[in-house]
Amino acid sequence: MNILDSVTVDQKNEKKTVIYLIRHGESVGNLNRICLGHTDLDLTDLGHKQAKNTAEALKNVDFAAIYSSDLIRAVHTAEPNARIRGLLVQKMSDFRELYFGDWENASVLWLKEEHHDEFMIGWRQNFGTFTAPNGESVVHMADRMASGLEKIASMHAGANILVASHAAAIRALWGKISGLTPDKWAEAYPFPTNASYSVIEYDGRALKPISYSNDGHLGDLVTFIQH
């Protein structure tokens, strides 16, 4: 799906800030089926290609600023967009992935074997109400994402901005701004695909979801990797 022609800034009474929220390209953690969380590993070669492809798809969008999670896989996804426009990538920890606590850098296979119910039911089936063992809750992650987006949207009122972030962070945010209770987030939205972009509007009062996980521009490069 491509909605570039349909998302515009309202030119009537009140200008809206339009946020393009990009999930990072395929990471080393994605490839090796690892829950990275805050563990800072880079993109794969495919991930870099996906990031460049998404930057090309968005090249005609006039971004006033480009932001990213401060983790390298997100920064390197944002950078091709910044180079096209001669902008700097501004890093914010608000846009990080979930902190997985005891599960940081753990393999999905190990989690399925050693923490089956907690992982398969707690994390996968009850995503919105999950709290990582000795880590962060999904609700807290959604709150920090929303707070960070509102902050930068207010700074760039009426403009387009780009933010590179992570799968669970974007998914949780989407559930929150859609007005659903956390127990409904898992069934309402899947994880966004690698290097897909989602679009949000901000009118100075609330974040409004417009379009989720657009990946038609990726063609054969599209990957969907679930923790």
Foldseek 3Di string as FASTA:
>chain_A
DDCVVPDDFDPPDFTKEKEKEWEQFAWPCLVQQADAFQPAGAHDPLRLVLLLLLLVVCLPADAPAEEEAPRHRQLSSRVNNCVSVVHDYHHDNLQTGWWQAVRHGPHPVCCCVPVVCCPVCQCQQQPLQHQHVRTGHLLVSLVSNQVVVLVVCVVVPNGYYYYYHHFSSVLSVVCVQVPHHSRCSNVPDDGAKHGFIWMWIGRNPGIHGDGPRHDPSCVPSIDHGDD
